[in-house]
């Protein structure tokens, strides 16, 4: 069982993803802001993977990514950017900043998402 954190300001993305991960036997939680994600990460022992939106009000996903990578406790946590922004330049930037993968919302199904995340869920 993996611990999955979904970070997205839109509940319509969080709820079904969390439920699907839970049905697959994982401990999945969601938060809807970058600041909440950092607070959650400080409060728990470990997270196995973070599914992180980029475009969020306040602290955006790239800043969350930067802060997670700077913290020695979370620096090695796999982060998959999960965004509506289909932009190769932004994707390259996120990967250079430490994201492990980049998925565009609406261009996959849950099976593909599970396949892409499987190295982090076992």
N, C-alpha and C. Protein backbone atom coordinates (compact mmCIF):
# COMPACT_ATOMS: atom_id res chain seq x y z
N UNK A 1 0.85 -1.18 0.00
CA UNK A 1 0.00 0.00 0.00
C UNK A 1 0.89 1.24 0.00
N UNK A 2 0.64 2.12 -0.94
CA UNK A 2 1.39 3.37 -1.03
C UNK A 2 0.56 4.52 -0.47
N UNK A 3 1.26 5.52 0.01
CA UNK A 3 0.60 6.74 0.47
C UNK A 3 0.72 7.77 -0.65
N UNK A 4 -0.44 8.21 -1.16
CA UNK A 4 -0.50 9.12 -2.30
C UNK A 4 -1.10 10.45 -1.84
N UNK A 5 -0.46 11.55 -2.22
CA UNK A 5 -1.00 12.88 -1.95
C UNK A 5 -1.35 13.53 -3.27
N UNK A 6 -2.63 13.91 -3.41
CA UNK A 6 -3.11 14.63 -4.60
C UNK A 6 -3.25 16.09 -4.21
N UNK A 7 -2.58 16.97 -4.97
CA UNK A 7 -2.63 18.41 -4.69
C UNK A 7 -3.21 19.11 -5.90
N UNK A 8 -4.43 19.61 -5.75
CA UNK A 8 -5.12 20.28 -6.86
C UNK A 8 -6.18 21.19 -6.27
N UNK A 9 -6.27 22.41 -6.76
CA UNK A 9 -7.25 23.35 -6.22
C UNK A 9 -8.67 23.04 -6.69
N UNK A 10 -8.84 22.12 -7.60
CA UNK A 10 -10.17 21.79 -8.12
C UNK A 10 -10.62 20.44 -7.56
N UNK A 11 -11.63 20.50 -6.70
CA UNK A 11 -12.12 19.28 -6.04
C UNK A 11 -12.61 18.24 -7.04
N UNK A 12 -13.08 18.67 -8.20
CA UNK A 12 -13.58 17.71 -9.18
C UNK A 12 -12.48 16.80 -9.72
N UNK A 13 -11.23 17.17 -9.56
CA UNK A 13 -10.11 16.29 -9.90
C UNK A 13 -9.69 15.47 -8.69
N UNK A 14 -9.68 16.09 -7.53
CA UNK A 14 -9.20 15.42 -6.32
C UNK A 14 -10.08 14.24 -5.91
N UNK A 15 -11.36 14.47 -5.78
CA UNK A 15 -12.25 13.43 -5.23
C UNK A 15 -12.18 12.11 -5.99
N UNK A 16 -12.37 12.13 -7.32
CA UNK A 16 -12.34 10.83 -8.02
C UNK A 16 -10.96 10.17 -8.00
N UNK A 17 -9.90 10.95 -8.07
CA UNK A 17 -8.56 10.37 -8.02
C UNK A 17 -8.29 9.71 -6.67
N UNK A 18 -8.64 10.41 -5.60
CA UNK A 18 -8.44 9.85 -4.27
C UNK A 18 -9.24 8.56 -4.14
N UNK A 19 -10.48 8.57 -4.58
CA UNK A 19 -11.33 7.37 -4.48
C UNK A 19 -10.74 6.22 -5.29
N UNK A 20 -10.29 6.48 -6.50
CA UNK A 20 -9.71 5.43 -7.33
C UNK A 20 -8.44 4.84 -6.70
N UNK A 21 -7.60 5.70 -6.16
CA UNK A 21 -6.40 5.20 -5.48
C UNK A 21 -6.79 4.36 -4.26
N UNK A 22 -7.80 4.80 -3.52
CA UNK A 22 -8.25 4.05 -2.35
C UNK A 22 -8.81 2.68 -2.77
N UNK A 23 -9.58 2.66 -3.83
CA UNK A 23 -10.12 1.38 -4.32
C UNK A 23 -9.02 0.43 -4.77
N UNK A 24 -7.89 1.01 -5.21
CA UNK A 24 -6.75 0.18 -5.62
C UNK A 24 -5.90 -0.25 -4.42
N UNK A 25 -6.34 0.12 -3.20
CA UNK A 25 -5.66 -0.33 -2.00
C UNK A 25 -4.63 0.62 -1.43
N UNK A 26 -4.61 1.85 -1.90
CA UNK A 26 -3.62 2.81 -1.43
C UNK A 26 -4.24 3.78 -0.43
N UNK A 27 -3.40 4.39 0.36
CA UNK A 27 -3.81 5.43 1.29
C UNK A 27 -3.67 6.76 0.55
N UNK A 28 -4.78 7.29 0.06
CA UNK A 28 -4.75 8.51 -0.74
C UNK A 28 -5.46 9.64 0.00
N UNK A 29 -4.86 10.80 -0.07
CA UNK A 29 -5.41 12.03 0.53
C UNK A 29 -5.29 13.14 -0.50
N UNK A 30 -6.07 14.20 -0.28
CA UNK A 30 -5.94 15.35 -1.16
C UNK A 30 -5.94 16.63 -0.34
N UNK A 31 -5.28 17.63 -0.89
CA UNK A 31 -5.32 18.99 -0.37
C UNK A 31 -5.52 19.90 -1.57
N UNK A 32 -6.03 21.09 -1.31
CA UNK A 32 -6.40 21.95 -2.43
C UNK A 32 -5.59 23.24 -2.53
N UNK A 33 -4.42 23.26 -1.92
CA UNK A 33 -3.55 24.43 -2.02
C UNK A 33 -2.11 24.02 -1.75
N UNK A 34 -1.20 24.76 -2.33
CA UNK A 34 0.21 24.47 -2.14
C UNK A 34 0.64 24.54 -0.69
N UNK A 35 0.17 25.57 0.01
CA UNK A 35 0.52 25.72 1.42
C UNK A 35 0.02 24.53 2.23
N UNK A 36 -1.20 24.04 1.91
CA UNK A 36 -1.75 22.87 2.60
C UNK A 36 -0.89 21.64 2.35
N UNK A 37 -0.39 21.50 1.13
CA UNK A 37 0.45 20.36 0.80
C UNK A 37 1.72 20.35 1.66
N UNK A 38 2.36 21.49 1.77
CA UNK A 38 3.59 21.57 2.58
C UNK A 38 3.30 21.29 4.05
N UNK A 39 2.18 21.81 4.54
CA UNK A 39 1.79 21.56 5.93
C UNK A 39 1.53 20.07 6.14
N UNK A 40 0.82 19.43 5.22
CA UNK A 40 0.55 18.00 5.32
C UNK A 40 1.85 17.20 5.31
N UNK A 41 2.77 17.54 4.42
CA UNK A 41 4.04 16.81 4.32
C UNK A 41 4.87 16.94 5.59
N UNK A 42 4.77 18.07 6.26
CA UNK A 42 5.49 18.25 7.53
C UNK A 42 4.86 17.42 8.65
N UNK A 43 3.55 17.13 8.53
CA UNK A 43 2.82 16.46 9.60
C UNK A 43 2.85 14.93 9.52
N UNK A 44 3.14 14.37 8.35
CA UNK A 44 3.10 12.91 8.20
C UNK A 44 4.51 12.33 8.17
N UNK A 45 4.59 11.04 8.43
CA UNK A 45 5.89 10.37 8.42
C UNK A 45 6.48 10.31 7.02
N UNK A 46 5.67 9.90 6.05
CA UNK A 46 6.19 9.75 4.69
C UNK A 46 5.04 9.72 3.69
N UNK A 47 5.36 10.12 2.47
CA UNK A 47 4.44 10.03 1.34
C UNK A 47 5.23 9.32 0.25
N UNK A 48 4.57 8.41 -0.47
CA UNK A 48 5.26 7.65 -1.50
C UNK A 48 5.27 8.34 -2.85
N UNK A 49 4.25 9.15 -3.14
CA UNK A 49 4.18 9.88 -4.40
C UNK A 49 3.23 11.07 -4.23
N UNK A 50 3.56 12.15 -4.94
CA UNK A 50 2.71 13.34 -4.94
C UNK A 50 2.26 13.59 -6.37
N UNK A 51 0.96 13.74 -6.54
CA UNK A 51 0.36 14.13 -7.81
C UNK A 51 0.04 15.61 -7.66
N UNK A 52 0.74 16.48 -8.42
CA UNK A 52 0.76 17.91 -8.13
C UNK A 52 0.34 18.76 -9.32
N UNK A 53 -0.72 19.53 -9.13
CA UNK A 53 -1.18 20.48 -10.14
C UNK A 53 -0.19 21.65 -10.19
N UNK A 54 -0.11 22.31 -11.33
CA UNK A 54 0.76 23.47 -11.45
C UNK A 54 0.00 24.77 -11.18
N UNK A 55 -1.12 24.93 -11.87
CA UNK A 55 -1.86 26.18 -11.80
C UNK A 55 -2.81 26.19 -10.59
N UNK A 56 -2.35 26.81 -9.51
CA UNK A 56 -3.16 26.96 -8.30
C UNK A 56 -3.01 28.37 -7.79
N UNK A 57 -4.07 28.92 -7.20
CA UNK A 57 -3.94 30.26 -6.62
C UNK A 57 -2.99 30.23 -5.42
N UNK A 58 -2.40 31.35 -5.13
CA UNK A 58 -1.43 31.40 -4.04
C UNK A 58 -0.14 30.75 -4.50
N UNK A 59 0.29 29.73 -3.78
CA UNK A 59 1.52 29.03 -4.11
C UNK A 59 1.23 28.03 -5.24
N UNK A 60 1.90 28.22 -6.37
CA UNK A 60 1.65 27.31 -7.50
C UNK A 60 2.46 26.02 -7.33
N UNK A 61 2.17 25.05 -8.19
CA UNK A 61 2.81 23.75 -8.09
C UNK A 61 4.31 23.77 -8.26
N UNK A 62 4.82 24.67 -9.08
CA UNK A 62 6.27 24.75 -9.26
C UNK A 62 6.97 25.21 -7.99
N UNK A 63 6.32 26.09 -7.24
CA UNK A 63 6.90 26.53 -5.96
C UNK A 63 6.81 25.40 -4.94
N UNK A 64 5.70 24.66 -4.94
CA UNK A 64 5.60 23.50 -4.05
C UNK A 64 6.71 22.50 -4.39
N UNK A 65 6.89 22.23 -5.66
CA UNK A 65 7.95 21.34 -6.12
C UNK A 65 9.31 21.80 -5.60
N UNK A 66 9.59 23.07 -5.74
CA UNK A 66 10.88 23.62 -5.29
C UNK A 66 11.06 23.41 -3.79
N UNK A 67 10.02 23.72 -3.02
CA UNK A 67 10.14 23.60 -1.56
C UNK A 67 10.23 22.14 -1.11
N UNK A 68 9.51 21.25 -1.79
CA UNK A 68 9.61 19.83 -1.44
C UNK A 68 11.02 19.33 -1.71
N UNK A 69 11.61 19.74 -2.82
CA UNK A 69 12.97 19.30 -3.15
C UNK A 69 14.02 19.88 -2.22
N UNK A 70 13.75 21.05 -1.62
CA UNK A 70 14.70 21.67 -0.69
C UNK A 70 14.68 21.04 0.69
N UNK A 71 13.58 20.41 1.06
CA UNK A 71 13.44 19.82 2.39
C UNK A 71 14.06 18.42 2.39
N UNK A 72 15.07 18.17 3.21
CA UNK A 72 15.72 16.86 3.22
C UNK A 72 14.76 15.69 3.51
N UNK A 73 13.70 15.94 4.28
CA UNK A 73 12.74 14.88 4.58
C UNK A 73 11.91 14.48 3.37
N UNK A 74 11.70 15.40 2.44
CA UNK A 74 10.82 15.13 1.30
C UNK A 74 11.52 15.18 -0.05
N UNK A 75 12.79 15.50 -0.05
CA UNK A 75 13.51 15.73 -1.30
C UNK A 75 13.43 14.56 -2.27
N UNK A 76 13.35 13.35 -1.76
CA UNK A 76 13.34 12.17 -2.63
C UNK A 76 11.95 11.67 -3.00
N UNK A 77 10.91 12.33 -2.54
CA UNK A 77 9.55 11.88 -2.84
C UNK A 77 9.26 12.10 -4.33
N UNK A 78 8.83 11.06 -5.04
CA UNK A 78 8.48 11.24 -6.45
C UNK A 78 7.31 12.20 -6.60
N UNK A 79 7.45 13.11 -7.56
CA UNK A 79 6.40 14.10 -7.84
C UNK A 79 6.03 14.01 -9.31
N UNK A 80 4.75 13.80 -9.55
CA UNK A 80 4.22 13.78 -10.91
C UNK A 80 3.36 15.03 -11.07
N UNK A 81 3.77 15.90 -11.97
CA UNK A 81 2.98 17.10 -12.24
C UNK A 81 1.73 16.65 -12.99
N UNK A 82 0.58 17.17 -12.58
CA UNK A 82 -0.72 16.78 -13.12
C UNK A 82 -1.46 18.07 -13.42
N UNK A 83 -1.48 18.48 -14.69
CA UNK A 83 -1.92 19.82 -15.02
C UNK A 83 -2.73 19.87 -16.31
N UNK A 84 -3.49 20.92 -16.45
CA UNK A 84 -4.23 21.14 -17.69
C UNK A 84 -3.36 21.83 -18.74
N UNK A 85 -2.17 22.25 -18.36
CA UNK A 85 -1.29 23.00 -19.24
C UNK A 85 -0.45 22.04 -20.10
N UNK A 86 -0.76 22.03 -21.38
CA UNK A 86 0.01 21.23 -22.33
C UNK A 86 1.02 22.14 -23.01
N UNK A 87 2.19 22.23 -22.41
CA UNK A 87 3.22 23.15 -22.89
C UNK A 87 4.58 22.47 -22.73
N UNK A 88 5.22 22.11 -23.84
CA UNK A 88 6.51 21.41 -23.75
C UNK A 88 7.58 22.19 -22.98
N UNK A 89 7.54 23.51 -23.07
CA UNK A 89 8.53 24.33 -22.35
C UNK A 89 8.29 24.22 -20.85
N UNK A 90 7.03 24.31 -20.44
CA UNK A 90 6.70 24.18 -19.02
C UNK A 90 7.00 22.77 -18.53
N UNK A 91 6.70 21.77 -19.34
CA UNK A 91 7.01 20.40 -18.97
C UNK A 91 8.51 20.21 -18.76
N UNK A 92 9.32 20.70 -19.68
CA UNK A 92 10.78 20.59 -19.56
C UNK A 92 11.26 21.32 -18.30
N UNK A 93 10.69 22.49 -18.03
CA UNK A 93 11.06 23.28 -16.86
C UNK A 93 10.74 22.50 -15.57
N UNK A 94 9.55 21.89 -15.52
CA UNK A 94 9.16 21.14 -14.33
C UNK A 94 10.08 19.94 -14.11
N UNK A 95 10.43 19.25 -15.18
CA UNK A 95 11.33 18.10 -15.08
C UNK A 95 12.71 18.56 -14.62
N UNK A 96 13.19 19.67 -15.17
CA UNK A 96 14.50 20.20 -14.76
C UNK A 96 14.50 20.61 -13.29
N UNK A 97 13.36 21.05 -12.79
CA UNK A 97 13.26 21.48 -11.39
C UNK A 97 13.06 20.31 -10.43
N UNK A 98 12.91 19.08 -10.98
CA UNK A 98 12.85 17.92 -10.11
C UNK A 98 11.60 17.07 -10.20
N UNK A 99 10.66 17.41 -11.08
CA UNK A 99 9.48 16.55 -11.24
C UNK A 99 9.92 15.24 -11.89
N UNK A 100 9.29 14.15 -11.49
CA UNK A 100 9.61 12.85 -12.05
C UNK A 100 8.85 12.57 -13.34
N UNK A 101 7.69 13.18 -13.49
CA UNK A 101 6.87 12.97 -14.69
C UNK A 101 5.92 14.15 -14.82
N UNK A 102 5.24 14.20 -15.97
CA UNK A 102 4.35 15.32 -16.28
C UNK A 102 3.17 14.74 -17.06
N UNK A 103 1.98 14.86 -16.51
CA UNK A 103 0.77 14.37 -17.17
C UNK A 103 -0.19 15.51 -17.40
N UNK A 104 -0.83 15.50 -18.57
CA UNK A 104 -1.81 16.53 -18.91
C UNK A 104 -3.20 15.97 -18.62
N UNK A 105 -3.97 16.70 -17.81
CA UNK A 105 -5.33 16.29 -17.48
C UNK A 105 -6.14 16.13 -18.76
N UNK A 106 -6.97 15.14 -18.77
CA UNK A 106 -7.85 14.93 -19.91
C UNK A 106 -7.23 14.14 -21.04
N UNK A 107 -5.97 13.80 -20.94
CA UNK A 107 -5.29 13.06 -22.00
C UNK A 107 -4.93 11.64 -21.58
N UNK A 108 -5.58 11.12 -20.57
CA UNK A 108 -5.26 9.79 -20.08
C UNK A 108 -6.50 9.22 -19.39
N UNK A 109 -6.46 7.94 -19.11
CA UNK A 109 -7.48 7.34 -18.26
C UNK A 109 -6.79 6.86 -16.98
N UNK A 110 -7.56 6.35 -16.02
CA UNK A 110 -6.97 5.97 -14.75
C UNK A 110 -5.97 4.82 -14.91
N UNK A 111 -6.23 3.92 -15.87
CA UNK A 111 -5.30 2.82 -16.09
C UNK A 111 -3.93 3.36 -16.51
N UNK A 112 -3.92 4.35 -17.41
CA UNK A 112 -2.64 4.94 -17.84
C UNK A 112 -1.97 5.65 -16.67
N UNK A 113 -2.78 6.39 -15.89
CA UNK A 113 -2.22 7.06 -14.72
C UNK A 113 -1.60 6.04 -13.77
N UNK A 114 -2.31 4.95 -13.52
CA UNK A 114 -1.77 3.90 -12.65
C UNK A 114 -0.49 3.32 -13.21
N UNK A 115 -0.46 3.11 -14.52
CA UNK A 115 0.76 2.58 -15.15
C UNK A 115 1.94 3.53 -14.98
N UNK A 116 1.67 4.82 -15.17
CA UNK A 116 2.75 5.81 -15.04
C UNK A 116 3.22 5.94 -13.60
N UNK A 117 2.30 5.75 -12.66
CA UNK A 117 2.65 5.88 -11.25
C UNK A 117 3.11 4.56 -10.62
N UNK A 118 2.95 3.45 -11.33
CA UNK A 118 3.24 2.14 -10.73
C UNK A 118 4.64 2.02 -10.14
N UNK A 119 5.67 2.63 -10.72
CA UNK A 119 6.99 2.51 -10.06
C UNK A 119 7.01 3.11 -8.65
N UNK A 120 6.09 4.02 -8.36
CA UNK A 120 6.07 4.69 -7.07
C UNK A 120 5.04 4.08 -6.12
N UNK A 121 4.16 3.22 -6.63
CA UNK A 121 3.06 2.69 -5.83
C UNK A 121 3.34 1.32 -5.24
N UNK A 122 4.42 0.70 -5.63
CA UNK A 122 4.70 -0.65 -5.12
C UNK A 122 5.46 -0.64 -3.82
